[in-house]
């Protein structure tokens, strides 16, 4: 039974990977261009520290590289007041206030670790991507704060 469960989990992982690559190379009805595809959050041993990974893609228009920067904000409540905290103040190894640079043809991961301030209760992460060049675009997407699971729209029409 355990071996069967392990094989079913592996098949599920492979199906998700195929859907991800298929969505980039042969999208059905998706808008072309830059996309903020998904956010993954997971716990660490430290209760105030979390790992994050944002996956950005360029759908269908893969002839050229897309470059720009990504800024992220931690949204939540501290002492009854709404608050937005920039990642450059809380994320380990974040490049700075200008954001994390990206430069890719198909997809790129931006990952690291985030430290939650005392008395802060996170409820969302805001991701803002700004591309550069002639066809510059600005994208904003909010993800609910959910741990140990992948938040994605891969394979969903």
N, C-alpha and C. Protein backbone atom coordinates (compact mmCIF):
# COMPACT_ATOMS: atom_id res chain seq x y z
N UNK A 1 0.82 -1.21 0.00
CA UNK A 1 0.00 0.00 0.00
C UNK A 1 0.86 1.26 0.00
N UNK A 2 1.91 1.25 0.81
CA UNK A 2 2.79 2.43 0.87
C UNK A 2 3.47 2.67 -0.46
N UNK A 3 3.91 1.61 -1.10
CA UNK A 3 4.55 1.75 -2.40
C UNK A 3 3.55 2.27 -3.44
N UNK A 4 2.33 1.79 -3.39
CA UNK A 4 1.28 2.25 -4.30
C UNK A 4 0.99 3.74 -4.07
N UNK A 5 0.90 4.15 -2.81
CA UNK A 5 0.67 5.57 -2.50
C UNK A 5 1.83 6.43 -3.00
N UNK A 6 3.05 5.95 -2.81
CA UNK A 6 4.23 6.69 -3.28
C UNK A 6 4.20 6.84 -4.80
N UNK A 7 3.83 5.78 -5.49
CA UNK A 7 3.74 5.84 -6.96
C UNK A 7 2.64 6.79 -7.41
N UNK A 8 1.49 6.77 -6.73
CA UNK A 8 0.41 7.69 -7.08
C UNK A 8 0.82 9.14 -6.87
N UNK A 9 1.54 9.41 -5.77
CA UNK A 9 2.04 10.77 -5.52
C UNK A 9 3.01 11.19 -6.60
N UNK A 10 3.88 10.29 -7.02
CA UNK A 10 4.86 10.61 -8.07
C UNK A 10 4.17 10.90 -9.40
N UNK A 11 3.15 10.10 -9.74
CA UNK A 11 2.38 10.34 -10.97
C UNK A 11 1.71 11.70 -10.91
N UNK A 12 1.16 12.05 -9.76
CA UNK A 12 0.51 13.36 -9.59
C UNK A 12 1.52 14.49 -9.79
N UNK A 13 2.72 14.35 -9.22
CA UNK A 13 3.77 15.36 -9.39
C UNK A 13 4.15 15.51 -10.86
N UNK A 14 4.29 14.39 -11.55
CA UNK A 14 4.66 14.43 -12.97
C UNK A 14 3.56 15.05 -13.82
N UNK A 15 2.30 14.75 -13.52
CA UNK A 15 1.18 15.36 -14.25
C UNK A 15 1.16 16.87 -14.06
N UNK A 16 1.45 17.33 -12.84
CA UNK A 16 1.50 18.77 -12.60
C UNK A 16 2.65 19.41 -13.37
N UNK A 17 3.79 18.75 -13.43
CA UNK A 17 4.93 19.28 -14.19
C UNK A 17 4.60 19.37 -15.67
N UNK A 18 3.96 18.35 -16.22
CA UNK A 18 3.57 18.37 -17.63
C UNK A 18 2.59 19.51 -17.88
N UNK A 19 1.62 19.70 -17.00
CA UNK A 19 0.65 20.80 -17.16
C UNK A 19 1.36 22.15 -17.12
N UNK A 20 2.36 22.28 -16.25
CA UNK A 20 3.12 23.52 -16.15
C UNK A 20 3.84 23.83 -17.47
N UNK A 21 4.60 22.87 -17.99
CA UNK A 21 5.34 23.09 -19.23
C UNK A 21 4.41 23.26 -20.43
N UNK A 22 3.33 22.52 -20.45
CA UNK A 22 2.36 22.64 -21.53
C UNK A 22 1.72 24.03 -21.52
N UNK A 23 1.45 24.56 -20.33
CA UNK A 23 0.88 25.90 -20.21
C UNK A 23 1.80 26.98 -20.73
N UNK A 24 3.11 26.75 -20.65
CA UNK A 24 4.08 27.72 -21.16
C UNK A 24 4.23 27.59 -22.67
N UNK A 25 4.39 26.36 -23.14
CA UNK A 25 4.72 26.13 -24.55
C UNK A 25 3.51 26.10 -25.48
N UNK A 26 2.38 25.63 -24.99
CA UNK A 26 1.19 25.51 -25.84
C UNK A 26 -0.06 25.90 -25.05
N UNK A 27 -0.17 27.17 -24.69
CA UNK A 27 -1.30 27.59 -23.86
C UNK A 27 -2.61 27.54 -24.63
N UNK A 28 -3.66 27.23 -23.90
CA UNK A 28 -4.99 27.21 -24.50
C UNK A 28 -5.78 28.39 -23.95
N UNK A 29 -5.95 29.42 -24.75
CA UNK A 29 -6.76 30.56 -24.35
C UNK A 29 -6.13 31.48 -23.32
N UNK A 30 -4.90 31.21 -22.92
CA UNK A 30 -4.24 32.07 -21.94
C UNK A 30 -3.67 33.29 -22.65
N UNK A 31 -3.64 34.39 -21.92
CA UNK A 31 -3.01 35.59 -22.46
C UNK A 31 -1.52 35.34 -22.61
N UNK A 32 -0.95 35.87 -23.68
CA UNK A 32 0.48 35.72 -23.90
C UNK A 32 1.23 36.72 -23.04
N UNK A 33 2.50 36.41 -22.79
CA UNK A 33 3.36 37.33 -22.09
C UNK A 33 3.70 36.89 -20.68
N UNK A 34 4.15 37.86 -19.90
CA UNK A 34 4.61 37.64 -18.53
C UNK A 34 3.46 37.27 -17.61
N UNK A 35 3.71 36.30 -16.72
CA UNK A 35 2.70 35.89 -15.73
C UNK A 35 3.38 35.61 -14.40
N UNK A 36 2.67 35.94 -13.32
CA UNK A 36 3.06 35.50 -11.98
C UNK A 36 2.28 34.21 -11.77
N UNK A 37 2.94 33.09 -11.89
CA UNK A 37 2.26 31.80 -11.99
C UNK A 37 1.78 31.25 -10.65
N UNK A 38 2.70 31.19 -9.66
CA UNK A 38 2.30 30.61 -8.37
C UNK A 38 3.25 31.03 -7.26
N UNK A 39 2.81 30.78 -6.04
CA UNK A 39 3.61 31.05 -4.84
C UNK A 39 3.55 29.81 -3.97
N UNK A 40 4.71 29.43 -3.45
CA UNK A 40 4.78 28.31 -2.52
C UNK A 40 5.35 28.82 -1.21
N UNK A 41 4.74 28.44 -0.10
CA UNK A 41 5.20 28.79 1.23
C UNK A 41 5.38 27.52 2.05
N UNK A 42 6.45 27.46 2.82
CA UNK A 42 6.64 26.31 3.71
C UNK A 42 7.31 26.75 5.00
N UNK A 43 7.08 25.96 6.02
CA UNK A 43 7.62 26.25 7.35
C UNK A 43 9.11 25.88 7.42
N UNK A 44 9.77 26.46 8.38
CA UNK A 44 11.12 26.04 8.74
C UNK A 44 11.07 25.62 10.21
N UNK A 45 12.20 25.25 10.76
CA UNK A 45 12.24 24.86 12.17
C UNK A 45 11.88 26.05 13.06
N UNK A 46 12.33 27.23 12.68
CA UNK A 46 12.02 28.47 13.41
C UNK A 46 10.58 28.89 13.10
N UNK A 47 9.76 29.10 14.11
CA UNK A 47 8.34 29.42 13.91
C UNK A 47 8.11 30.79 13.28
N UNK A 48 9.09 31.65 13.26
CA UNK A 48 8.97 32.98 12.67
C UNK A 48 9.59 33.07 11.27
N UNK A 49 10.20 31.99 10.81
CA UNK A 49 10.90 31.98 9.52
C UNK A 49 10.21 31.01 8.56
N UNK A 50 10.01 31.47 7.31
CA UNK A 50 9.32 30.68 6.30
C UNK A 50 10.09 30.73 4.99
N UNK A 51 10.01 29.65 4.22
CA UNK A 51 10.59 29.62 2.88
C UNK A 51 9.50 30.01 1.88
N UNK A 52 9.89 30.78 0.87
CA UNK A 52 8.95 31.15 -0.18
C UNK A 52 9.58 30.90 -1.54
N UNK A 53 8.72 30.67 -2.53
CA UNK A 53 9.18 30.56 -3.92
C UNK A 53 8.07 31.08 -4.82
N UNK A 54 8.40 32.08 -5.64
CA UNK A 54 7.48 32.63 -6.63
C UNK A 54 7.95 32.12 -7.99
N UNK A 55 7.01 31.61 -8.79
CA UNK A 55 7.34 31.14 -10.14
C UNK A 55 6.72 32.11 -11.14
N UNK A 56 7.58 32.66 -11.98
CA UNK A 56 7.13 33.57 -13.04
C UNK A 56 7.33 32.88 -14.38
N UNK A 57 6.40 33.09 -15.30
CA UNK A 57 6.49 32.46 -16.61
C UNK A 57 6.27 33.50 -17.71
N UNK A 58 6.72 33.14 -18.89
CA UNK A 58 6.41 33.90 -20.10
C UNK A 58 5.66 32.93 -21.01
N UNK A 59 4.42 33.19 -21.25
CA UNK A 59 3.55 32.26 -21.97
C UNK A 59 3.58 32.55 -23.47
N UNK A 60 3.84 31.52 -24.26
CA UNK A 60 3.73 31.50 -25.72
C UNK A 60 4.70 32.41 -26.46
N UNK A 61 4.98 33.58 -25.97
CA UNK A 61 5.83 34.54 -26.66
C UNK A 61 7.29 34.32 -26.25
N UNK A 62 7.80 33.11 -26.48
CA UNK A 62 9.09 32.72 -25.92
C UNK A 62 10.28 32.98 -26.84
N UNK A 63 10.12 33.79 -27.86
CA UNK A 63 11.22 34.08 -28.76
C UNK A 63 12.28 34.95 -28.13
N UNK A 64 11.91 35.75 -27.15
CA UNK A 64 12.85 36.69 -26.56
C UNK A 64 12.82 36.57 -25.03
N UNK A 65 13.85 37.08 -24.43
CA UNK A 65 13.92 37.10 -22.97
C UNK A 65 13.08 38.26 -22.45
N UNK A 66 12.52 38.07 -21.27
CA UNK A 66 11.81 39.15 -20.59
C UNK A 66 12.63 39.46 -19.34
N UNK A 67 12.80 40.75 -19.07
CA UNK A 67 13.58 41.14 -17.90
C UNK A 67 12.87 42.26 -17.17
N UNK A 68 13.19 42.38 -15.91
CA UNK A 68 12.58 43.41 -15.07
C UNK A 68 12.89 43.11 -13.62
N UNK A 69 11.95 43.48 -12.74
CA UNK A 69 12.15 43.22 -11.31
C UNK A 69 10.83 42.89 -10.63
N UNK A 70 10.94 42.22 -9.50
CA UNK A 70 9.78 41.81 -8.71
C UNK A 70 9.92 42.39 -7.32
N UNK A 71 8.85 42.99 -6.84
CA UNK A 71 8.77 43.44 -5.45
C UNK A 71 7.69 42.62 -4.76
N UNK A 72 7.90 42.35 -3.49
CA UNK A 72 6.92 41.58 -2.73
C UNK A 72 6.67 42.25 -1.39
N UNK A 73 5.42 42.16 -0.95
CA UNK A 73 5.02 42.73 0.33
C UNK A 73 4.27 41.69 1.15
N UNK A 74 4.54 41.67 2.42
CA UNK A 74 3.83 40.82 3.36
C UNK A 74 2.67 41.64 3.92
N UNK A 75 1.44 41.13 3.76
CA UNK A 75 0.25 41.85 4.21
C UNK A 75 -0.35 41.12 5.40
N UNK A 76 -0.81 41.89 6.39
CA UNK A 76 -1.41 41.27 7.56
C UNK A 76 -1.83 42.29 8.59
N UNK A 77 -1.93 41.82 9.84
CA UNK A 77 -2.44 42.65 10.93
C UNK A 77 -1.46 42.59 12.10
N UNK A 78 -1.19 43.77 12.68
CA UNK A 78 -0.39 43.85 13.90
C UNK A 78 -1.10 44.78 14.86
N UNK A 79 -1.41 44.27 16.04
CA UNK A 79 -2.10 45.04 17.08
C UNK A 79 -3.38 45.67 16.54
N UNK A 80 -4.14 44.91 15.77
CA UNK A 80 -5.44 45.36 15.27
C UNK A 80 -5.40 46.29 14.07
N UNK A 81 -4.22 46.59 13.53
CA UNK A 81 -4.10 47.49 12.39
C UNK A 81 -3.54 46.75 11.17
N UNK A 82 -4.12 47.04 9.98
CA UNK A 82 -3.60 46.48 8.72
C UNK A 82 -2.21 47.04 8.47
N UNK A 83 -1.34 46.18 7.93
CA UNK A 83 0.03 46.60 7.68
C UNK A 83 0.57 45.91 6.43
N UNK A 84 1.40 46.62 5.69
CA UNK A 84 2.09 46.08 4.53
C UNK A 84 3.59 46.23 4.78
N UNK A 85 4.30 45.11 4.76
CA UNK A 85 5.73 45.11 5.06
C UNK A 85 6.50 44.67 3.82
N UNK A 86 7.36 45.53 3.27
CA UNK A 86 8.16 45.16 2.09
C UNK A 86 9.13 44.03 2.41
N UNK A 87 9.32 43.11 1.46
CA UNK A 87 10.23 41.99 1.65
C UNK A 87 11.66 42.45 1.88
N UNK A 88 12.05 43.59 1.34
CA UNK A 88 13.44 44.01 1.51
C UNK A 88 13.77 44.29 2.97
N UNK A 89 12.76 44.42 3.84
CA UNK A 89 13.02 44.62 5.27
C UNK A 89 12.93 43.32 6.06
N UNK A 90 12.39 42.24 5.47
CA UNK A 90 12.14 41.01 6.23
C UNK A 90 12.72 39.74 5.61
N UNK A 91 13.07 39.76 4.33
CA UNK A 91 13.52 38.54 3.66
C UNK A 91 15.04 38.44 3.66
N UNK A 92 15.50 37.27 4.04
CA UNK A 92 16.94 37.01 4.04
C UNK A 92 17.43 37.02 2.59
N UNK A 93 18.51 37.71 2.32
CA UNK A 93 19.15 37.78 1.00
C UNK A 93 18.31 38.49 -0.06
N UNK A 94 17.29 39.26 0.32
CA UNK A 94 16.52 40.03 -0.68
C UNK A 94 17.44 41.11 -1.23
N UNK A 95 17.44 41.35 -2.56
CA UNK A 95 18.41 42.27 -3.16
C UNK A 95 18.28 43.74 -2.76
N UNK A 96 17.12 44.18 -2.29
CA UNK A 96 16.98 45.58 -1.88
C UNK A 96 15.64 46.15 -2.26
N UNK A 97 15.47 47.44 -2.02
CA UNK A 97 14.18 48.12 -2.24
C UNK A 97 13.77 48.14 -3.71
N UNK A 98 14.73 48.02 -4.63
CA UNK A 98 14.41 48.01 -6.06
C UNK A 98 13.79 46.70 -6.52
N UNK A 99 13.83 45.68 -5.67
CA UNK A 99 13.22 44.39 -6.00
C UNK A 99 14.24 43.38 -6.49
N UNK A 100 13.75 42.17 -6.68
CA UNK A 100 14.59 41.07 -7.18
C UNK A 100 14.55 41.09 -8.70
N UNK A 101 15.71 41.11 -9.35
CA UNK A 101 15.72 41.14 -10.81
C UNK A 101 15.32 39.80 -11.41
N UNK A 102 14.70 39.85 -12.59
CA UNK A 102 14.46 38.62 -13.34
C UNK A 102 14.88 38.83 -14.78
N UNK A 103 15.27 37.74 -15.43
CA UNK A 103 15.69 37.74 -16.82
C UNK A 103 15.59 36.30 -17.30
N UNK A 104 14.53 35.98 -18.05
CA UNK A 104 14.31 34.61 -18.45
C UNK A 104 13.57 34.53 -19.77
N UNK A 105 13.58 33.35 -20.33
CA UNK A 105 12.89 33.11 -21.60
C UNK A 105 11.59 32.33 -21.39
N UNK A 106 11.61 31.34 -20.52
CA UNK A 106 10.44 30.50 -20.28
C UNK A 106 9.88 30.67 -18.88
N UNK A 107 10.72 30.47 -17.85
CA UNK A 107 10.26 30.67 -16.47
C UNK A 107 11.45 30.91 -15.56
N UNK A 108 11.15 31.45 -14.37
CA UNK A 108 12.19 31.70 -13.37
C UNK A 108 11.56 31.62 -11.99
N UNK A 109 12.30 31.04 -11.05
CA UNK A 109 11.90 31.00 -9.65
C UNK A 109 12.63 32.10 -8.90
N UNK A 110 11.92 32.73 -8.00
CA UNK A 110 12.54 33.68 -7.07
C UNK A 110 12.22 33.15 -5.69
N UNK A 111 13.26 32.78 -4.95
CA UNK A 111 13.02 32.11 -3.67
C UNK A 111 13.94 32.63 -2.58
N UNK A 112 13.57 32.34 -1.35
CA UNK A 112 14.36 32.75 -0.21
C UNK A 112 13.63 32.44 1.08
N UNK A 113 14.07 33.10 2.14
CA UNK A 113 13.44 32.93 3.45
C UNK A 113 12.96 34.28 3.96
N UNK A 114 11.85 34.23 4.66
CA UNK A 114 11.17 35.42 5.17
C UNK A 114 11.01 35.28 6.67
N UNK A 115 11.30 36.36 7.42
CA UNK A 115 11.13 36.37 8.87
C UNK A 115 9.93 37.25 9.20
N UNK A 116 8.97 36.68 9.95
CA UNK A 116 7.76 37.40 10.34
C UNK A 116 8.05 38.21 11.60
N UNK A 117 7.68 39.50 11.63
CA UNK A 117 7.92 40.30 12.84
C UNK A 117 7.03 39.84 14.00
N UNK A 118 7.46 40.15 15.20
CA UNK A 118 6.68 39.83 16.40
C UNK A 118 5.31 40.50 16.33
N UNK A 119 4.32 39.80 16.85
CA UNK A 119 2.94 40.28 16.94
C UNK A 119 2.28 40.53 15.58
N UNK A 120 2.88 40.09 14.50
CA UNK A 120 2.32 40.27 13.17
C UNK A 120 1.66 38.97 12.73
N UNK A 121 0.43 39.08 12.22
CA UNK A 121 -0.30 37.92 11.72
C UNK A 121 -0.47 38.08 10.21
N UNK A 122 0.31 37.33 9.40
CA UNK A 122 0.22 37.47 7.95
C UNK A 122 -1.06 36.85 7.40
N UNK A 123 -1.63 37.47 6.34
CA UNK A 123 -2.78 36.86 5.69
C UNK A 123 -2.63 36.81 4.17
N UNK A 124 -1.69 37.59 3.60
CA UNK A 124 -1.46 37.56 2.16
C UNK A 124 -0.02 37.95 1.85
N UNK A 125 0.40 37.59 0.63
CA UNK A 125 1.65 38.09 0.06
C UNK A 125 1.30 38.72 -1.27
N UNK A 126 1.76 39.96 -1.45
CA UNK A 126 1.53 40.70 -2.68
C UNK A 126 2.79 40.62 -3.53
N UNK A 127 2.62 40.24 -4.79
CA UNK A 127 3.74 40.14 -5.73
C UNK A 127 3.50 41.14 -6.85
N UNK A 128 4.49 42.01 -7.09
CA UNK A 128 4.39 43.04 -8.13
C UNK A 128 5.58 42.86 -9.07
N UNK A 129 5.28 42.53 -10.32
CA UNK A 129 6.33 42.33 -11.33
C UNK A 129 6.27 43.47 -12.34
N UNK A 130 7.41 44.05 -12.63
CA UNK A 130 7.52 45.14 -13.61
C UNK A 130 8.56 44.75 -14.63
N UNK A 131 8.11 44.53 -15.89
CA UNK A 131 9.07 44.21 -16.94
C UNK A 131 9.62 45.50 -17.54
N UNK A 132 10.69 45.37 -18.29
CA UNK A 132 11.33 46.52 -18.91
C UNK A 132 11.29 46.35 -20.43
N UNK A 133 11.52 47.43 -21.14
CA UNK A 133 11.59 47.36 -22.60
C UNK A 133 10.37 47.95 -23.28
N UNK A 134 10.29 47.71 -24.61
CA UNK A 134 9.21 48.29 -25.42
C UNK A 134 7.82 47.82 -24.99
N UNK A 135 7.71 46.56 -24.63
CA UNK A 135 6.41 46.00 -24.23
C UNK A 135 6.33 45.85 -22.71
N UNK A 136 6.80 46.85 -21.99
CA UNK A 136 6.82 46.78 -20.53
C UNK A 136 5.40 46.62 -19.98
N UNK A 137 5.30 45.80 -18.95
CA UNK A 137 4.02 45.54 -18.32
C UNK A 137 4.23 45.46 -16.81
N UNK A 138 3.20 45.87 -16.08
CA UNK A 138 3.22 45.76 -14.62
C UNK A 138 2.10 44.82 -14.20
N UNK A 139 2.46 43.79 -13.43
CA UNK A 139 1.49 42.81 -12.95
C UNK A 139 1.46 42.83 -11.42
N UNK A 140 0.28 42.69 -10.86
CA UNK A 140 0.13 42.58 -9.42
C UNK A 140 -0.75 41.37 -9.13
N UNK A 141 -0.33 40.60 -8.14
CA UNK A 141 -1.14 39.44 -7.76
C UNK A 141 -0.98 39.21 -6.27
N UNK A 142 -2.09 38.90 -5.61
CA UNK A 142 -2.06 38.59 -4.18
C UNK A 142 -2.36 37.11 -3.97
N UNK A 143 -1.59 36.52 -3.07
CA UNK A 143 -1.77 35.12 -2.70
C UNK A 143 -2.12 35.06 -1.22
N UNK A 144 -3.12 34.26 -0.88
CA UNK A 144 -3.45 34.05 0.53
C UNK A 144 -2.31 33.33 1.21
N UNK A 145 -2.12 33.62 2.49
CA UNK A 145 -1.08 33.00 3.30
C UNK A 145 -1.53 31.58 3.62
N UNK A 146 -1.00 30.61 2.90
CA UNK A 146 -1.30 29.20 3.12
C UNK A 146 0.01 28.44 3.12
N UNK A 147 0.22 27.65 4.16
CA UNK A 147 1.49 26.95 4.32
C UNK A 147 1.43 25.51 3.85
N UNK A 148 2.61 25.01 3.46
CA UNK A 148 2.81 23.61 3.13
C UNK A 148 1.93 23.10 2.00
N UNK A 149 1.50 23.98 1.12
CA UNK A 149 0.80 23.55 -0.07
C UNK A 149 1.13 24.51 -1.18
N UNK A 150 0.97 24.05 -2.41
CA UNK A 150 1.27 24.87 -3.57
C UNK A 150 0.01 25.63 -3.96
N UNK A 151 0.13 26.96 -4.10
CA UNK A 151 -0.98 27.79 -4.55
C UNK A 151 -0.73 28.09 -6.02
N UNK A 152 -1.53 27.55 -6.88
CA UNK A 152 -1.22 27.62 -8.30
C UNK A 152 -2.48 27.69 -9.14
N UNK A 153 -2.31 28.20 -10.35
CA UNK A 153 -3.40 28.10 -11.32
C UNK A 153 -2.93 27.31 -12.53
N UNK A 154 -1.88 26.51 -12.35
CA UNK A 154 -1.37 25.67 -13.44
C UNK A 154 -2.40 24.59 -13.76
N UNK A 155 -2.68 24.43 -15.01
CA UNK A 155 -3.60 23.39 -15.45
C UNK A 155 -5.06 23.71 -15.26
N UNK A 156 -5.36 24.92 -14.80
CA UNK A 156 -6.74 25.32 -14.62
C UNK A 156 -7.11 26.31 -15.71
N UNK A 157 -8.17 26.05 -16.43
CA UNK A 157 -8.55 26.89 -17.57
C UNK A 157 -9.21 28.10 -17.25
